[in-house]
Amino acid sequence: MVARTSRQPPPQVDRQAELQAHALELLASLGDVRARRMFGGVGLFLEGRMLALIAGEVLHLKADAQAQPAFAAVGSQPFSYATKDGPRTITSYWSAPDAAMESPAQMRPWALLALDSALRAAAASRQAAPRKPHATSRQPSASKPGAGSAAARKTGKSG
């Protein structure tokens, strides 16, 4: 019988899992924040809206143009990643301030900025989405043969 060795996850996976658990604890005051794996990282969602992401060992919070100056003022950096064409920066997510990572109370104002940014993005998306034309429902004319409801046709009664 061959002895099996247990496979240990890479250290980065362990640290990312620890950061995920910590981030969920920090954001819990907002409500039922859920984690979902995506693109090698983790997205953090509240009521279906993404308000943070974990990439590598960094928690990034959603920040629109209105919230970005607050993040920049405390030295946070926009999310960036490497591509074959060089680094790509996504300015809609910024690293959580170091002090905010210390406790839920210190995270709360930053989490609220992220939530407000996510809500504004959702509202803008709804306004920008093209509206589908409403289907017109035509009522069968009583003067045409076979007109009327299906139930009336089945029973032989006209409506």
C-alpha atoms as a PDB file:
ATOM      1  CA  MET A   1       0.000   0.000   0.000  1.00  0.00           C
ATOM      2  CA  VAL A   2       1.348   3.372  -1.025  1.00  0.00           C
ATOM      3  CA  ALA A   3       1.132   6.143   1.541  1.00  0.00           C
ATOM      4  CA  ARG A   4      -0.630   9.258   0.280  1.00  0.00           C
ATOM      5  CA  THR A   5       0.801  12.633   0.991  1.00  0.00           C
ATOM      6  CA  SER A   6      -1.593  15.451   1.528  1.00  0.00           C
ATOM      7  CA  ARG A   7      -1.191  18.304  -0.872  1.00  0.00           C
ATOM      8  CA  GLN A   8      -0.781  21.669   0.722  1.00  0.00           C
ATOM      9  CA  PRO A   9      -2.276  24.635  -1.098  1.00  0.00           C
ATOM     10  CA  PRO A  10       0.300  27.159  -2.271  1.00  0.00           C
ATOM     11  CA  PRO A  11       1.081  29.782   0.393  1.00  0.00           C
ATOM     12  CA  GLN A  12      -0.580  32.518  -1.675  1.00  0.00           C
ATOM     13  CA  VAL A  13      -3.880  30.576  -1.674  1.00  0.00           C
ATOM     14  CA  ASP A  14      -3.719  30.266   2.123  1.00  0.00           C
ATOM     15  CA  ARG A  15      -3.032  33.992   2.512  1.00  0.00           C
ATOM     16  CA  GLN A  16      -5.813  34.866   0.074  1.00  0.00           C
ATOM     17  CA  ALA A  17      -8.251  32.642   1.995  1.00  0.00           C
ATOM     18  CA  GLU A  18      -7.201  34.332   5.247  1.00  0.00           C
ATOM     19  CA  LEU A  19      -7.629  37.767   3.667  1.00  0.00           C
ATOM     20  CA  GLN A  20     -11.054  36.739   2.359  1.00  0.00           C
ATOM     21  CA  ALA A  21     -12.197  35.695   5.839  1.00  0.00           C
ATOM     22  CA  HIS A  22     -10.790  38.903   7.326  1.00  0.00           C
ATOM     23  CA  ALA A  23     -12.413  41.073   4.633  1.00  0.00           C
ATOM     24  CA  LEU A  24     -15.794  39.423   5.191  1.00  0.00           C
ATOM     25  CA  GLU A  25     -15.445  40.170   8.899  1.00  0.00           C
ATOM     26  CA  LEU A  26     -14.462  43.790   8.197  1.00  0.00           C
ATOM     27  CA  LEU A  27     -17.423  44.315   5.838  1.00  0.00           C
ATOM     28  CA  ALA A  28     -20.023  42.439   7.913  1.00  0.00           C
ATOM     29  CA  SER A  29     -21.532  45.665   9.293  1.00  0.00           C
ATOM     30  CA  LEU A  30     -22.916  46.358   5.800  1.00  0.00           C
ATOM     31  CA  GLY A  31     -24.981  43.179   5.736  1.00  0.00           C
ATOM     32  CA  ASP A  32     -24.647  39.728   4.199  1.00  0.00           C
ATOM     33  CA  VAL A  33     -21.472  40.181   2.126  1.00  0.00           C
ATOM     34  CA  ARG A  34     -20.724  37.122  -0.007  1.00  0.00           C
ATOM     35  CA  ALA A  35     -17.491  36.026  -1.650  1.00  0.00           C
ATOM     36  CA  ARG A  36     -17.317  34.627  -5.166  1.00  0.00           C
ATOM     37  CA  ARG A  37     -14.155  33.364  -6.880  1.00  0.00           C
ATOM     38  CA  MET A  38     -13.397  35.107 -10.132  1.00  0.00           C
ATOM     39  CA  PHE A  39     -10.381  35.590 -12.404  1.00  0.00           C
ATOM     40  CA  GLY A  40      -7.948  34.098  -9.916  1.00  0.00           C
ATOM     41  CA  GLY A  41      -9.184  36.419  -7.179  1.00  0.00           C
ATOM     42  CA  VAL A  42     -12.316  36.917  -5.141  1.00  0.00           C
ATOM     43  CA  GLY A  43     -15.205  39.329  -5.651  1.00  0.00           C
ATOM     44  CA  LEU A  44     -17.122  40.521  -2.587  1.00  0.00           C
ATOM     45  CA  PHE A  45     -20.805  41.184  -3.170  1.00  0.00           C
ATOM     46  CA  LEU A  46     -23.651  42.729  -1.205  1.00  0.00           C
ATOM     47  CA  GLU A  47     -27.146  42.158  -2.579  1.00  0.00           C
ATOM     48  CA  GLY A  48     -25.717  41.253  -5.970  1.00  0.00           C
ATOM     49  CA  ARG A  49     -23.512  44.350  -6.244  1.00  0.00           C
ATOM     50  CA  MET A  50     -19.753  43.954  -6.282  1.00  0.00           C
ATOM     51  CA  LEU A  51     -18.212  46.292  -3.746  1.00  0.00           C
ATOM     52  CA  ALA A  52     -14.722  44.868  -3.353  1.00  0.00           C
ATOM     53  CA  LEU A  53     -12.227  42.462  -4.848  1.00  0.00           C
ATOM     54  CA  ILE A  54      -9.282  40.577  -3.513  1.00  0.00           C
ATOM     55  CA  ALA A  55      -6.393  40.184  -5.921  1.00  0.00           C
ATOM     56  CA  GLY A  56      -3.212  38.613  -4.696  1.00  0.00           C
ATOM     57  CA  GLU A  57      -2.935  39.729  -1.102  1.00  0.00           C
ATOM     58  CA  VAL A  58      -4.709  43.076  -1.422  1.00  0.00           C
ATOM     59  CA  LEU A  59      -8.306  44.083  -0.708  1.00  0.00           C
ATOM     60  CA  HIS A  60      -9.558  46.652  -3.201  1.00  0.00           C
ATOM     61  CA  LEU A  61     -12.757  48.615  -2.615  1.00  0.00           C
ATOM     62  CA  LYS A  62     -15.115  49.962  -5.291  1.00  0.00           C
ATOM     63  CA  ALA A  63     -14.477  53.662  -5.868  1.00  0.00           C
ATOM     64  CA  ASP A  64     -16.131  55.839  -8.486  1.00  0.00           C
ATOM     65  CA  ALA A  65     -15.013  59.344  -9.471  1.00  0.00           C
ATOM     66  CA  GLN A  66     -16.766  60.746  -6.406  1.00  0.00           C
ATOM     67  CA  ALA A  67     -14.966  58.432  -3.947  1.00  0.00           C
ATOM     68  CA  GLN A  68     -11.523  58.208  -5.586  1.00  0.00           C
ATOM     69  CA  PRO A  69     -10.135  61.454  -4.087  1.00  0.00           C
ATOM     70  CA  ALA A  70     -10.687  60.098  -0.563  1.00  0.00           C
ATOM     71  CA  PHE A  71      -8.759  56.938  -1.411  1.00  0.00           C
ATOM     72  CA  ALA A  72      -5.955  58.880  -3.110  1.00  0.00           C
ATOM     73  CA  ALA A  73      -5.678  61.229  -0.123  1.00  0.00           C
ATOM     74  CA  VAL A  74      -4.713  58.349   2.201  1.00  0.00           C
ATOM     75  CA  GLY A  75      -2.226  56.788  -0.229  1.00  0.00           C
ATOM     76  CA  SER A  76      -4.409  54.008  -1.631  1.00  0.00           C
ATOM     77  CA  GLN A  77      -3.587  52.790  -5.125  1.00  0.00           C
ATOM     78  CA  PRO A  78      -5.894  51.834  -7.999  1.00  0.00           C
ATOM     79  CA  PHE A  79      -6.100  48.143  -8.854  1.00  0.00           C
ATOM     80  CA  SER A  80      -3.649  47.107 -11.546  1.00  0.00           C
ATOM     81  CA  TYR A  81      -2.515  43.861 -13.061  1.00  0.00           C
ATOM     82  CA  ALA A  82       0.034  42.687 -15.582  1.00  0.00           C
ATOM     83  CA  THR A  83      -0.850  41.914 -19.183  1.00  0.00           C
ATOM     84  CA  LYS A  84       1.342  40.857 -22.089  1.00  0.00           C
ATOM     85  CA  ASP A  85       1.200  44.497 -23.238  1.00  0.00           C
ATOM     86  CA  GLY A  86       2.214  45.885 -19.853  1.00  0.00           C
ATOM     87  CA  PRO A  87       0.351  46.844 -16.689  1.00  0.00           C
ATOM     88  CA  ARG A  88      -3.345  47.670 -16.851  1.00  0.00           C
ATOM     89  CA  THR A  89      -4.920  49.928 -14.240  1.00  0.00           C
ATOM     90  CA  ILE A  90      -8.573  49.738 -13.250  1.00  0.00           C
ATOM     91  CA  THR A  91      -9.511  52.935 -11.441  1.00  0.00           C
ATOM     92  CA  SER A  92     -12.885  51.677 -10.235  1.00  0.00           C
ATOM     93  CA  TYR A  93     -11.217  49.658  -7.434  1.00  0.00           C
ATOM     94  CA  TRP A  94      -8.689  51.082  -4.967  1.00  0.00           C
ATOM     95  CA  SER A  95      -6.633  49.388  -2.262  1.00  0.00           C
ATOM     96  CA  ALA A  96      -8.196  49.578   1.169  1.00  0.00           C
ATOM     97  CA  PRO A  97      -6.351  51.990   3.467  1.00  0.00           C
ATOM     98  CA  ASP A  98      -3.975  50.236   5.869  1.00  0.00           C
ATOM     99  CA  ALA A  99      -5.751  51.639   8.933  1.00  0.00           C
ATOM    100  CA  ALA A 100      -9.095  50.355   7.646  1.00  0.00           C
ATOM    101  CA  MET A 101      -7.727  46.814   7.626  1.00  0.00           C
ATOM    102  CA  GLU A 102      -7.331  46.943  11.414  1.00  0.00           C
ATOM    103  CA  SER A 103     -10.968  46.745  12.518  1.00  0.00           C
ATOM    104  CA  PRO A 104     -14.565  46.727  11.295  1.00  0.00           C
ATOM    105  CA  ALA A 105     -15.067  50.160  12.883  1.00  0.00           C
ATOM    106  CA  GLN A 106     -12.155  51.645  10.923  1.00  0.00           C
ATOM    107  CA  MET A 107     -13.278  49.894   7.731  1.00  0.00           C
ATOM    108  CA  ARG A 108     -16.918  51.052   7.941  1.00  0.00           C
ATOM    109  CA  PRO A 109     -16.531  54.547   6.410  1.00  0.00           C
ATOM    110  CA  TRP A 110     -14.494  53.090   3.536  1.00  0.00           C
ATOM    111  CA  ALA A 111     -16.962  50.242   3.068  1.00  0.00           C
ATOM    112  CA  LEU A 112     -19.795  52.787   2.896  1.00  0.00           C
ATOM    113  CA  LEU A 113     -17.874  54.729   0.217  1.00  0.00           C
ATOM    114  CA  ALA A 114     -17.517  51.459  -1.722  1.00  0.00           C
ATOM    115  CA  LEU A 115     -21.203  50.638  -1.310  1.00  0.00           C
ATOM    116  CA  ASP A 116     -22.246  54.143  -2.400  1.00  0.00           C
ATOM    117  CA  SER A 117     -19.978  53.799  -5.455  1.00  0.00           C
ATOM    118  CA  ALA A 118     -21.543  50.426  -6.312  1.00  0.00           C
ATOM    119  CA  LEU A 119     -25.063  51.855  -5.945  1.00  0.00           C
ATOM    120  CA  ARG A 120     -24.240  54.863  -8.151  1.00  0.00           C
ATOM    121  CA  ALA A 121     -22.729  52.535 -10.776  1.00  0.00           C
ATOM    122  CA  ALA A 122     -25.859  50.367 -10.743  1.00  0.00           C
ATOM    123  CA  ALA A 123     -28.116  53.433 -11.088  1.00  0.00           C
ATOM    124  CA  ALA A 124     -26.031  54.776 -13.975  1.00  0.00           C
ATOM    125  CA  SER A 125     -26.117  51.363 -15.642  1.00  0.00           C
ATOM    126  CA  ARG A 126     -29.913  51.244 -15.395  1.00  0.00           C
ATOM    127  CA  GLN A 127     -30.199  54.725 -16.919  1.00  0.00           C
ATOM    128  CA  ALA A 128     -27.776  53.960 -19.728  1.00  0.00           C
ATOM    129  CA  ALA A 129     -29.307  50.606 -20.653  1.00  0.00           C
ATOM    130  CA  PRO A 130     -31.398  50.804 -23.800  1.00  0.00           C
ATOM    131  CA  ARG A 131     -35.002  50.068 -23.151  1.00  0.00           C
ATOM    132  CA  LYS A 132     -36.646  47.217 -24.949  1.00  0.00           C
ATOM    133  CA  PRO A 133     -39.780  48.199 -26.811  1.00  0.00           C
ATOM    134  CA  HIS A 134     -42.884  46.948 -25.093  1.00  0.00           C
ATOM    135  CA  ALA A 135     -44.607  44.160 -26.927  1.00  0.00           C
ATOM    136  CA  THR A 136     -48.079  45.149 -27.917  1.00  0.00           C
ATOM    137  CA  SER A 137     -50.688  42.622 -27.069  1.00  0.00           C
ATOM    138  CA  ARG A 138     -53.418  42.360 -29.587  1.00  0.00           C
ATOM    139  CA  GLN A 139     -56.829  41.307 -28.519  1.00  0.00           C
ATOM    140  CA  PRO A 140     -58.642  39.158 -31.049  1.00  0.00           C
ATOM    141  CA  SER A 141     -61.480  40.959 -32.665  1.00  0.00           C
ATOM    142  CA  ALA A 142     -64.938  39.585 -31.862  1.00  0.00           C
ATOM    143  CA  SER A 143     -65.981  40.014 -35.480  1.00  0.00           C
ATOM    144  CA  LYS A 144     -63.350  37.559 -36.782  1.00  0.00           C
ATOM    145  CA  PRO A 145     -64.026  33.828 -36.890  1.00  0.00           C
ATOM    146  CA  GLY A 146     -62.357  31.987 -34.039  1.00  0.00           C
ATOM    147  CA  ALA A 147     -62.114  35.171 -32.009  1.00  0.00           C
ATOM    148  CA  GLY A 148     -62.567  35.201 -28.266  1.00  0.00           C
ATOM    149  CA  SER A 149     -60.852  33.410 -25.451  1.00  0.00           C
ATOM    150  CA  ALA A 150     -59.541  29.870 -25.687  1.00  0.00           C
ATOM    151  CA  ALA A 151     -61.845  28.870 -22.831  1.00  0.00           C
ATOM    152  CA  ALA A 152     -64.883  30.248 -24.692  1.00  0.00           C
ATOM    153  CA  ARG A 153     -63.885  28.336 -27.837  1.00  0.00           C
ATOM    154  CA  LYS A 154     -63.525  25.115 -25.840  1.00  0.00           C
ATOM    155  CA  THR A 155     -66.925  25.456 -24.223  1.00  0.00           C
ATOM    156  CA  GLY A 156     -68.594  26.767 -27.344  1.00  0.00           C
ATOM    157  CA  LYS A 157     -69.630  29.975 -25.610  1.00  0.00           C
ATOM    158  CA  SER A 158     -68.756  33.266 -27.158  1.00  0.00           C
ATOM    159  CA  GLY A 159     -67.423  36.165 -25.121  1.00  0.00           C
END
